Every structure is written in C-alpha cells, then in structure tokens.
Amino acid sequence: MTDPTAPLARLTPLLPLLARFLFAAVLLRYFWASALTKIGDGSFGFLHLSAGAYGQIFPRAFEAVGYDASQMSWLQGAIALGGTWAEFLLPMLILLGLLSRPASLAMIGFILVQTLTDLYGHGLIADAPSLGAWFDRDPGSIILDQRALWVMLLLVPGILGGGALSLDRLLFRHVPKAQPAR
C-alpha cells in the first residue's frame, strides 16, 4: 500500500527556502529598521552608536546615567555595537542563505535577548496585553505569540539549512555529508 502523503514529503526540501522567504517578507525590514535607529550619523555611523541604541538595549542603565551615552561602560558599548551589527548581518545571512544554520540559531538567540530586554528592561513583564498568554483566543500579543512564531520560523533553516536556493548550497555543494554512525 502506498503512502498518500508521499508527494508531500517531496516538498520537504522547499521548507528552508519558504522559511527564508517568509523571514524576508515579514521580519527583515523590521530588524533593519530597528538597527538603523541605533547607528550614528555620517558614513561611519555604523562604528559609533546613537543615543537610541543605549536606550533600546540598556534602558534602565541609560536612564540611570541621565541618558548620557558617554557614561556607559566600554562593555555596554561593545554589547550595543555587536547587537546593532547582528541586527543587520544575521538577517542578511538568512536572506542570502549563507551560513544559514548558525545565522538562524544566532537570530533565535538575538530574539531571546530582545525579548528579555523588552520584558525586564522596558517593563513589559507587567503589560498583560503586550506579554499575552498562550492558549488564549488572542494570537496578537507581541511577546509570547509573535516571538514564538518567529523562533519557529527560524528553526526551519536552523535545523535544515538554507535550502535549494542558498549560497550555502552553492559554496558547500562539494563538501561530503557526514554518514550516520553504525
């Protein structure tokens, strides 16, 4: 007896491509727009941050120093700069399908840090509509509902790689695949 779902199984290689397409269609511009609010002015703005970067990434610490970026530590500056660059680079890598697995997993980590910052740094932990609740009838909360879907979307290329139309496929097509242990 033949499996009636066998034709669907042949579509599995398209899942990473579809996931990357949906990431680009839904989240790419969100992350890039957020990153653009963090860079400084001029051609080398990507090397120095705007005050908004510290306000978004370290809201309580930035408020504690009177919103004076020069009072932030070098470590906070390095974290903010790295986070800003990650907000540009990780989505670009996912879009191109380059280093898809590590980029997708790093993007999941980024989303988890973003979520913790929103919950504790920006005080959304007490904002029930923003926080939301799973298994309720409202799928639109920005924290539990949306971010869970973002992570699920990123797990596809995180586990399966970039898919058929990816730079990973082009660059690493001659790398032998690991054989399962016997």
N, C-alpha and C. Protein backbone atom coordinates (compact mmCIF):
# COMPACT_ATOMS: atom_id res chain seq x y z
N MET A 1 0.85 -1.17 0.00
CA MET A 1 0.00 0.00 0.00
C MET A 1 0.90 1.24 0.00
N THR A 2 0.58 2.18 -0.85
CA THR A 2 1.40 3.38 -0.95
C THR A 2 0.94 4.43 0.05
N ASP A 3 1.89 5.21 0.47
CA ASP A 3 1.63 6.28 1.42
C ASP A 3 1.01 7.47 0.68
N PRO A 4 -0.19 7.89 1.05
CA PRO A 4 -0.83 9.00 0.33
C PRO A 4 -0.14 10.35 0.57
N THR A 5 0.69 10.42 1.60
CA THR A 5 1.39 11.69 1.86
C THR A 5 2.77 11.74 1.21
N ALA A 6 3.16 10.70 0.48
CA ALA A 6 4.49 10.66 -0.15
C ALA A 6 4.74 11.86 -1.06
N PRO A 7 3.79 12.32 -1.86
CA PRO A 7 4.07 13.51 -2.69
C PRO A 7 4.39 14.75 -1.85
N LEU A 8 3.77 14.85 -0.69
CA LEU A 8 4.06 15.99 0.20
C LEU A 8 5.48 15.92 0.75
N ALA A 9 5.95 14.71 1.01
CA ALA A 9 7.29 14.54 1.55
C ALA A 9 8.35 15.05 0.58
N ARG A 10 8.04 15.00 -0.71
CA ARG A 10 8.99 15.51 -1.70
C ARG A 10 9.12 17.02 -1.64
N LEU A 11 8.18 17.70 -1.00
CA LEU A 11 8.24 19.15 -0.86
C LEU A 11 9.12 19.59 0.31
N THR A 12 9.54 18.66 1.14
CA THR A 12 10.34 18.98 2.32
C THR A 12 11.59 19.81 1.99
N PRO A 13 12.31 19.54 0.91
CA PRO A 13 13.47 20.37 0.60
C PRO A 13 13.13 21.84 0.34
N LEU A 14 11.88 22.13 0.06
CA LEU A 14 11.48 23.53 -0.17
C LEU A 14 11.21 24.29 1.13
N LEU A 15 11.09 23.58 2.24
CA LEU A 15 10.77 24.24 3.51
C LEU A 15 11.79 25.32 3.91
N PRO A 16 13.10 25.05 3.83
CA PRO A 16 14.04 26.11 4.19
C PRO A 16 13.92 27.34 3.30
N LEU A 17 13.73 27.13 2.02
CA LEU A 17 13.57 28.25 1.10
C LEU A 17 12.31 29.05 1.45
N LEU A 18 11.23 28.36 1.72
CA LEU A 18 9.99 29.02 2.10
C LEU A 18 10.16 29.78 3.42
N ALA A 19 10.83 29.17 4.38
CA ALA A 19 11.05 29.82 5.67
C ALA A 19 11.90 31.09 5.51
N ARG A 20 12.93 31.01 4.68
CA ARG A 20 13.77 32.20 4.44
C ARG A 20 12.98 33.29 3.72
N PHE A 21 12.14 32.88 2.76
CA PHE A 21 11.30 33.85 2.06
C PHE A 21 10.35 34.54 3.03
N LEU A 22 9.70 33.77 3.90
CA LEU A 22 8.78 34.35 4.87
C LEU A 22 9.52 35.25 5.86
N PHE A 23 10.71 34.85 6.27
CA PHE A 23 11.51 35.70 7.16
C PHE A 23 11.78 37.04 6.47
N ALA A 24 12.18 36.99 5.20
CA ALA A 24 12.45 38.23 4.46
C ALA A 24 11.18 39.06 4.29
N ALA A 25 10.07 38.42 4.00
CA ALA A 25 8.82 39.14 3.76
C ALA A 25 8.25 39.77 5.03
N VAL A 26 8.46 39.12 6.17
CA VAL A 26 7.80 39.55 7.40
C VAL A 26 8.74 40.27 8.37
N LEU A 27 9.98 39.79 8.51
CA LEU A 27 10.83 40.29 9.59
C LEU A 27 12.08 41.06 9.16
N LEU A 28 12.54 40.88 7.95
CA LEU A 28 13.81 41.50 7.54
C LEU A 28 13.80 43.02 7.73
N ARG A 29 12.82 43.69 7.20
CA ARG A 29 12.76 45.14 7.30
C ARG A 29 12.53 45.60 8.74
N TYR A 30 11.84 44.80 9.54
CA TYR A 30 11.65 45.12 10.96
C TYR A 30 13.00 45.22 11.65
N PHE A 31 13.85 44.21 11.46
CA PHE A 31 15.15 44.20 12.13
C PHE A 31 16.06 45.29 11.57
N TRP A 32 16.07 45.48 10.26
CA TRP A 32 16.92 46.52 9.69
C TRP A 32 16.48 47.91 10.13
N ALA A 33 15.18 48.16 10.17
CA ALA A 33 14.68 49.46 10.63
C ALA A 33 15.08 49.70 12.08
N SER A 34 15.01 48.67 12.88
CA SER A 34 15.43 48.79 14.28
C SER A 34 16.93 49.10 14.37
N ALA A 35 17.73 48.40 13.58
CA ALA A 35 19.17 48.63 13.59
C ALA A 35 19.52 50.04 13.13
N LEU A 36 18.78 50.54 12.14
CA LEU A 36 19.05 51.89 11.64
C LEU A 36 18.84 52.96 12.71
N THR A 37 17.97 52.71 13.68
CA THR A 37 17.75 53.68 14.75
C THR A 37 18.91 53.71 15.74
N LYS A 38 19.80 52.74 15.64
CA LYS A 38 20.90 52.63 16.59
C LYS A 38 22.22 53.18 16.08
N ILE A 39 22.36 53.37 14.77
CA ILE A 39 23.66 53.81 14.26
C ILE A 39 23.76 55.32 14.30
N GLY A 40 25.00 55.79 14.36
CA GLY A 40 25.26 57.23 14.41
C GLY A 40 25.16 57.87 13.04
N ASP A 41 25.46 59.16 13.01
CA ASP A 41 25.38 59.93 11.77
C ASP A 41 26.64 59.74 10.92
N GLY A 42 26.50 60.01 9.63
CA GLY A 42 27.63 60.02 8.72
C GLY A 42 27.95 58.67 8.12
N SER A 43 28.99 58.68 7.29
CA SER A 43 29.41 57.47 6.58
C SER A 43 29.88 56.36 7.50
N PHE A 44 30.44 56.75 8.63
CA PHE A 44 30.95 55.75 9.57
C PHE A 44 30.05 55.61 10.79
N GLY A 45 28.77 55.89 10.59
CA GLY A 45 27.80 55.79 11.68
C GLY A 45 27.68 54.39 12.25
N PHE A 46 28.03 53.39 11.45
CA PHE A 46 27.96 52.01 11.94
C PHE A 46 29.06 51.73 12.97
N LEU A 47 30.04 52.64 13.10
CA LEU A 47 31.11 52.45 14.08
C LEU A 47 30.83 53.14 15.41
N HIS A 48 29.93 54.10 15.41
CA HIS A 48 29.53 54.74 16.67
C HIS A 48 28.01 54.80 16.74
N LEU A 49 27.50 54.61 17.91
CA LEU A 49 26.08 54.42 18.09
C LEU A 49 25.36 55.71 18.41
N SER A 50 24.09 55.73 18.10
CA SER A 50 23.24 56.83 18.52
C SER A 50 22.85 56.61 19.98
N ALA A 51 22.37 57.65 20.61
CA ALA A 51 21.90 57.52 22.00
C ALA A 51 20.75 56.51 22.07
N GLY A 52 19.97 56.43 20.99
CA GLY A 52 18.85 55.50 20.97
C GLY A 52 19.27 54.05 21.13
N ALA A 53 20.48 53.72 20.72
CA ALA A 53 20.96 52.34 20.86
C ALA A 53 21.01 51.96 22.33
N TYR A 54 21.58 52.84 23.13
CA TYR A 54 21.68 52.55 24.57
C TYR A 54 20.30 52.54 25.21
N GLY A 55 19.43 53.44 24.76
CA GLY A 55 18.07 53.48 25.30
C GLY A 55 17.28 52.22 24.99
N GLN A 56 17.55 51.61 23.83
CA GLN A 56 16.84 50.38 23.45
C GLN A 56 17.45 49.15 24.10
N ILE A 57 18.77 49.11 24.19
CA ILE A 57 19.44 47.89 24.64
C ILE A 57 19.65 47.87 26.16
N PHE A 58 19.95 49.02 26.75
CA PHE A 58 20.17 49.13 28.20
C PHE A 58 19.28 50.23 28.77
N PRO A 59 17.96 50.08 28.70
CA PRO A 59 17.08 51.19 29.06
C PRO A 59 17.25 51.68 30.50
N ARG A 60 17.35 50.80 31.43
CA ARG A 60 17.45 51.22 32.85
C ARG A 60 18.82 51.82 33.15
N ALA A 61 19.87 51.21 32.62
CA ALA A 61 21.21 51.74 32.86
C ALA A 61 21.37 53.10 32.19
N PHE A 62 20.80 53.26 31.02
CA PHE A 62 20.90 54.53 30.30
C PHE A 62 20.14 55.62 31.04
N GLU A 63 18.99 55.27 31.57
CA GLU A 63 18.23 56.23 32.37
C GLU A 63 19.00 56.60 33.64
N ALA A 64 19.67 55.62 34.25
CA ALA A 64 20.42 55.86 35.49
C ALA A 64 21.57 56.84 35.31
N VAL A 65 22.13 56.93 34.10
CA VAL A 65 23.24 57.88 33.85
C VAL A 65 22.72 59.15 33.20
N GLY A 66 21.42 59.40 33.31
CA GLY A 66 20.85 60.64 32.78
C GLY A 66 20.86 60.72 31.27
N TYR A 67 20.76 59.58 30.61
CA TYR A 67 20.74 59.50 29.14
C TYR A 67 22.00 60.10 28.51
N ASP A 68 23.12 59.94 29.20
CA ASP A 68 24.41 60.42 28.71
C ASP A 68 25.22 59.20 28.26
N ALA A 69 25.32 59.02 26.94
CA ALA A 69 25.99 57.84 26.39
C ALA A 69 27.45 57.76 26.81
N SER A 70 28.09 58.88 27.07
CA SER A 70 29.50 58.86 27.48
C SER A 70 29.68 58.23 28.86
N GLN A 71 28.61 58.10 29.61
CA GLN A 71 28.68 57.49 30.94
C GLN A 71 28.49 55.97 30.93
N MET A 72 28.19 55.44 29.76
CA MET A 72 28.02 53.99 29.65
C MET A 72 29.40 53.34 29.59
N SER A 73 29.51 52.12 30.10
CA SER A 73 30.81 51.44 30.15
C SER A 73 31.23 50.98 28.75
N TRP A 74 32.51 50.68 28.60
CA TRP A 74 33.01 50.19 27.32
C TRP A 74 32.35 48.86 26.98
N LEU A 75 32.07 48.04 28.01
CA LEU A 75 31.44 46.75 27.77
C LEU A 75 30.01 46.95 27.25
N GLN A 76 29.27 47.89 27.83
CA GLN A 76 27.93 48.18 27.33
C GLN A 76 27.99 48.69 25.90
N GLY A 77 28.99 49.50 25.61
CA GLY A 77 29.18 49.99 24.25
C GLY A 77 29.47 48.87 23.28
N ALA A 78 30.33 47.94 23.69
CA ALA A 78 30.68 46.80 22.83
C ALA A 78 29.47 45.90 22.60
N ILE A 79 28.69 45.67 23.64
CA ILE A 79 27.48 44.84 23.50
C ILE A 79 26.48 45.52 22.59
N ALA A 80 26.28 46.82 22.77
CA ALA A 80 25.33 47.56 21.93
C ALA A 80 25.78 47.57 20.48
N LEU A 81 27.07 47.77 20.25
CA LEU A 81 27.60 47.79 18.88
C LEU A 81 27.46 46.40 18.25
N GLY A 82 27.83 45.37 18.99
CA GLY A 82 27.68 43.99 18.48
C GLY A 82 26.24 43.64 18.20
N GLY A 83 25.34 44.05 19.08
CA GLY A 83 23.91 43.80 18.86
C GLY A 83 23.39 44.52 17.64
N THR A 84 23.86 45.75 17.44
CA THR A 84 23.44 46.52 16.27
C THR A 84 23.93 45.87 14.98
N TRP A 85 25.19 45.49 14.96
CA TRP A 85 25.72 44.81 13.78
C TRP A 85 24.99 43.49 13.53
N ALA A 86 24.71 42.75 14.61
CA ALA A 86 24.00 41.48 14.47
C ALA A 86 22.61 41.70 13.86
N GLU A 87 21.99 42.82 14.20
CA GLU A 87 20.65 43.11 13.69
C GLU A 87 20.67 43.39 12.19
N PHE A 88 21.82 43.80 11.67
CA PHE A 88 21.98 43.95 10.22
C PHE A 88 22.45 42.64 9.58
N LEU A 89 23.50 42.05 10.14
CA LEU A 89 24.18 40.93 9.49
C LEU A 89 23.42 39.61 9.54
N LEU A 90 22.86 39.25 10.68
CA LEU A 90 22.17 37.97 10.78
C LEU A 90 20.99 37.87 9.81
N PRO A 91 20.12 38.88 9.74
CA PRO A 91 19.05 38.79 8.74
C PRO A 91 19.58 38.72 7.30
N MET A 92 20.68 39.42 7.02
CA MET A 92 21.26 39.37 5.68
C MET A 92 21.76 37.97 5.36
N LEU A 93 22.42 37.33 6.32
CA LEU A 93 22.90 35.97 6.11
C LEU A 93 21.74 35.01 5.86
N ILE A 94 20.67 35.18 6.63
CA ILE A 94 19.49 34.33 6.44
C ILE A 94 18.87 34.57 5.06
N LEU A 95 18.76 35.82 4.68
CA LEU A 95 18.21 36.16 3.37
C LEU A 95 19.00 35.50 2.24
N LEU A 96 20.31 35.57 2.33
CA LEU A 96 21.18 35.01 1.29
C LEU A 96 21.33 33.49 1.39
N GLY A 97 20.97 32.94 2.54
CA GLY A 97 21.18 31.52 2.74
C GLY A 97 22.66 31.20 2.92
N LEU A 98 23.38 32.11 3.55
CA LEU A 98 24.80 31.94 3.81
C LEU A 98 25.00 31.66 5.30
N LEU A 99 25.65 30.54 5.60
CA LEU A 99 25.81 30.11 6.99
C LEU A 99 24.45 30.07 7.67
N SER A 100 23.50 29.49 6.98
CA SER A 100 22.10 29.52 7.39
C SER A 100 21.85 28.94 8.76
N ARG A 101 22.45 27.81 9.05
CA ARG A 101 22.20 27.20 10.36
C ARG A 101 22.71 28.08 11.49
N PRO A 102 24.00 28.45 11.51
CA PRO A 102 24.44 29.29 12.63
C PRO A 102 23.77 30.67 12.65
N ALA A 103 23.50 31.25 11.49
CA ALA A 103 22.84 32.56 11.46
C ALA A 103 21.43 32.47 12.02
N SER A 104 20.70 31.43 11.67
CA SER A 104 19.33 31.26 12.17
C SER A 104 19.33 31.00 13.68
N LEU A 105 20.24 30.17 14.14
CA LEU A 105 20.31 29.89 15.58
C LEU A 105 20.76 31.14 16.35
N ALA A 106 21.69 31.90 15.79
CA ALA A 106 22.10 33.16 16.43
C ALA A 106 20.95 34.16 16.44
N MET A 107 20.15 34.17 15.39
CA MET A 107 18.99 35.08 15.33
C MET A 107 17.97 34.68 16.39
N ILE A 108 17.82 33.39 16.65
CA ILE A 108 16.94 32.95 17.73
C ILE A 108 17.47 33.46 19.06
N GLY A 109 18.78 33.36 19.27
CA GLY A 109 19.39 33.92 20.48
C GLY A 109 19.16 35.41 20.59
N PHE A 110 19.28 36.11 19.46
CA PHE A 110 19.04 37.54 19.43
C PHE A 110 17.60 37.85 19.86
N ILE A 111 16.66 37.09 19.35
CA ILE A 111 15.25 37.30 19.69
C ILE A 111 15.01 37.03 21.18
N LEU A 112 15.67 36.03 21.73
CA LEU A 112 15.51 35.75 23.15
C LEU A 112 16.06 36.90 24.00
N VAL A 113 17.22 37.44 23.63
CA VAL A 113 17.78 38.59 24.35
C VAL A 113 16.87 39.80 24.18
N GLN A 114 16.39 40.03 22.96
CA GLN A 114 15.47 41.13 22.68
C GLN A 114 14.23 41.01 23.56
N THR A 115 13.71 39.80 23.68
CA THR A 115 12.51 39.57 24.46
C THR A 115 12.76 39.84 25.95
N LEU A 116 13.87 39.35 26.47
CA LEU A 116 14.20 39.61 27.88
C LEU A 116 14.40 41.10 28.13
N THR A 117 15.01 41.80 27.19
CA THR A 117 15.18 43.24 27.32
C THR A 117 13.83 43.94 27.33
N ASP A 118 12.95 43.53 26.45
CA ASP A 118 11.61 44.12 26.42
C ASP A 118 10.85 43.84 27.72
N LEU A 119 10.94 42.61 28.20
CA LEU A 119 10.19 42.24 29.39
C LEU A 119 10.71 42.93 30.65
N TYR A 120 12.02 42.88 30.86
CA TYR A 120 12.57 43.38 32.10
C TYR A 120 13.14 44.79 31.98
N GLY A 121 13.83 45.08 30.89
CA GLY A 121 14.41 46.40 30.72
C GLY A 121 13.38 47.47 30.44
N HIS A 122 12.41 47.14 29.58
CA HIS A 122 11.38 48.11 29.22
C HIS A 122 10.09 47.92 30.03
N GLY A 123 10.08 46.95 30.92
CA GLY A 123 8.95 46.77 31.82
C GLY A 123 7.70 46.15 31.22
N LEU A 124 7.83 45.43 30.12
CA LEU A 124 6.65 44.82 29.51
C LEU A 124 6.17 43.58 30.25
N ILE A 125 6.96 43.12 31.24
CA ILE A 125 6.56 41.94 32.00
C ILE A 125 5.23 42.20 32.72
N ALA A 126 4.97 43.46 33.05
CA ALA A 126 3.72 43.81 33.75
C ALA A 126 2.63 44.26 32.79
N ASP A 127 2.94 44.34 31.49
CA ASP A 127 1.97 44.81 30.50
C ASP A 127 1.28 43.59 29.88
N ALA A 128 0.16 43.19 30.47
CA ALA A 128 -0.53 41.96 30.06
C ALA A 128 -0.86 41.92 28.57
N PRO A 129 -1.38 43.00 27.94
CA PRO A 129 -1.69 42.90 26.51
C PRO A 129 -0.44 42.66 25.64
N SER A 130 0.68 43.29 25.98
CA SER A 130 1.91 43.07 25.21
C SER A 130 2.49 41.70 25.46
N LEU A 131 2.49 41.27 26.72
CA LEU A 131 3.03 39.97 27.08
C LEU A 131 2.17 38.86 26.49
N GLY A 132 0.86 38.98 26.66
CA GLY A 132 -0.04 37.97 26.13
C GLY A 132 -0.03 36.71 26.94
N ALA A 133 -0.72 35.73 26.44
CA ALA A 133 -0.80 34.43 27.09
C ALA A 133 -1.02 33.38 26.00
N TRP A 134 -0.37 32.26 26.16
CA TRP A 134 -0.60 31.18 25.22
C TRP A 134 -1.92 30.50 25.55
N PHE A 135 -2.48 29.86 24.57
CA PHE A 135 -3.72 29.10 24.70
C PHE A 135 -4.92 29.99 25.04
N ASP A 136 -4.81 31.28 24.68
CA ASP A 136 -5.97 32.15 24.80
C ASP A 136 -6.54 32.34 23.40
N ARG A 137 -7.52 33.17 23.26
CA ARG A 137 -8.14 33.33 21.93
C ARG A 137 -7.58 34.51 21.17
N ASP A 138 -6.56 35.19 21.70
CA ASP A 138 -5.97 36.35 21.05
C ASP A 138 -4.55 36.02 20.60
N PRO A 139 -4.32 35.85 19.30
CA PRO A 139 -2.99 35.47 18.82
C PRO A 139 -2.06 36.64 18.55
N GLY A 140 -2.42 37.85 19.00
CA GLY A 140 -1.66 39.02 18.58
C GLY A 140 -0.73 39.65 19.59
N SER A 141 -0.44 39.00 20.70
CA SER A 141 0.47 39.64 21.65
C SER A 141 1.88 39.68 21.06
N ILE A 142 2.60 40.77 21.34
CA ILE A 142 3.90 40.95 20.70
C ILE A 142 5.00 40.10 21.32
N ILE A 143 4.78 39.59 22.51
CA ILE A 143 5.86 38.84 23.15
C ILE A 143 5.64 37.33 22.98
N LEU A 144 4.73 36.76 23.71
CA LEU A 144 4.60 35.30 23.68
C LEU A 144 4.15 34.77 22.33
N ASP A 145 3.18 35.40 21.71
CA ASP A 145 2.64 34.86 20.46
C ASP A 145 3.57 35.11 19.28
N GLN A 146 3.86 36.37 19.01
CA GLN A 146 4.65 36.69 17.82
C GLN A 146 6.06 36.12 17.89
N ARG A 147 6.70 36.26 19.01
CA ARG A 147 8.10 35.82 19.09
C ARG A 147 8.21 34.30 19.05
N ALA A 148 7.22 33.60 19.55
CA ALA A 148 7.22 32.13 19.41
C ALA A 148 7.16 31.74 17.94
N LEU A 149 6.33 32.44 17.18
CA LEU A 149 6.24 32.15 15.74
C LEU A 149 7.55 32.52 15.03
N TRP A 150 8.18 33.62 15.43
CA TRP A 150 9.46 34.00 14.82
C TRP A 150 10.49 32.89 15.04
N VAL A 151 10.56 32.41 16.29
CA VAL A 151 11.54 31.36 16.61
C VAL A 151 11.24 30.10 15.82
N MET A 152 9.97 29.72 15.74
CA MET A 152 9.61 28.52 14.98
C MET A 152 10.00 28.67 13.51
N LEU A 153 9.77 29.84 12.95
CA LEU A 153 10.14 30.10 11.56
C LEU A 153 11.65 29.95 11.37
N LEU A 154 12.44 30.44 12.32
CA LEU A 154 13.90 30.38 12.22
C LEU A 154 14.45 28.99 12.51
N LEU A 155 13.69 28.16 13.19
CA LEU A 155 14.15 26.79 13.44
C LEU A 155 14.26 25.98 12.16
N VAL A 156 13.45 26.31 11.17
CA VAL A 156 13.49 25.54 9.91
C VAL A 156 14.87 25.65 9.26
N PRO A 157 15.37 26.87 8.92
CA PRO A 157 16.72 26.92 8.36
C PRO A 157 17.79 26.60 9.41
N GLY A 158 17.47 26.81 10.69
CA GLY A 158 18.42 26.47 11.74
C GLY A 158 18.71 24.99 11.80
N ILE A 159 17.71 24.18 11.48
CA ILE A 159 17.86 22.72 11.51
C ILE A 159 18.17 22.15 10.13
N LEU A 160 17.45 22.64 9.11
CA LEU A 160 17.57 22.05 7.77
C LEU A 160 18.57 22.75 6.86
N GLY A 161 19.07 23.91 7.27
CA GLY A 161 19.99 24.66 6.42
C GLY A 161 19.24 25.62 5.52
N GLY A 162 19.96 26.20 4.56
CA GLY A 162 19.41 27.25 3.71
C GLY A 162 18.49 26.79 2.60
N GLY A 163 18.56 25.54 2.24
CA GLY A 163 17.68 25.03 1.20
C GLY A 163 18.27 25.12 -0.19
N ALA A 164 17.42 24.88 -1.17
CA ALA A 164 17.84 24.73 -2.57
C ALA A 164 18.47 26.00 -3.14
N LEU A 165 17.88 27.14 -2.95
CA LEU A 165 18.41 28.39 -3.48
C LEU A 165 19.11 29.16 -2.37
N SER A 166 20.31 28.72 -2.06
CA SER A 166 21.07 29.38 -0.99
C SER A 166 22.55 29.41 -1.36
N LEU A 167 23.24 30.36 -0.80
CA LEU A 167 24.68 30.40 -1.00
C LEU A 167 25.36 29.21 -0.33
N ASP A 168 24.77 28.72 0.75
CA ASP A 168 25.31 27.51 1.38
C ASP A 168 25.37 26.37 0.37
N ARG A 169 24.29 26.17 -0.35
CA ARG A 169 24.22 25.08 -1.33
C ARG A 169 25.27 25.28 -2.41
N LEU A 170 25.42 26.52 -2.86
CA LEU A 170 26.38 26.82 -3.92
C LEU A 170 27.82 26.65 -3.44
N LEU A 171 28.13 27.17 -2.26
CA LEU A 171 29.51 27.16 -1.77
C LEU A 171 29.94 25.82 -1.20
N PHE A 172 29.00 25.09 -0.60
CA PHE A 172 29.37 23.87 0.10
C PHE A 172 28.85 22.60 -0.57
N ARG A 173 28.54 22.68 -1.85
CA ARG A 173 27.97 21.51 -2.53
C ARG A 173 28.96 20.36 -2.66
N HIS A 174 30.25 20.64 -2.60
CA HIS A 174 31.24 19.59 -2.75
C HIS A 174 31.72 19.04 -1.40
N VAL A 175 31.21 19.57 -0.32
CA VAL A 175 31.59 19.07 0.99
C VAL A 175 30.82 17.78 1.25
N PRO A 176 31.52 16.68 1.54
CA PRO A 176 30.81 15.41 1.77
C PRO A 176 29.95 15.49 3.02
N LYS A 177 28.79 14.86 2.94
CA LYS A 177 27.89 14.83 4.09
C LYS A 177 28.36 13.76 5.06
N ALA A 178 28.18 14.04 6.35
CA ALA A 178 28.56 13.07 7.38
C ALA A 178 27.64 11.85 7.29
N GLN A 179 28.22 10.70 7.42
CA GLN A 179 27.46 9.46 7.40
C GLN A 179 27.03 9.12 8.82
N PRO A 180 25.82 8.63 9.01
CA PRO A 180 25.38 8.25 10.36
C PRO A 180 26.24 7.13 10.91
N ALA A 181 26.45 7.18 12.23
CA ALA A 181 27.24 6.12 12.89
C ALA A 181 26.46 4.81 12.85
N ARG A 182 27.20 3.73 12.70
CA ARG A 182 26.56 2.41 12.65
C ARG A 182 26.79 1.66 13.92
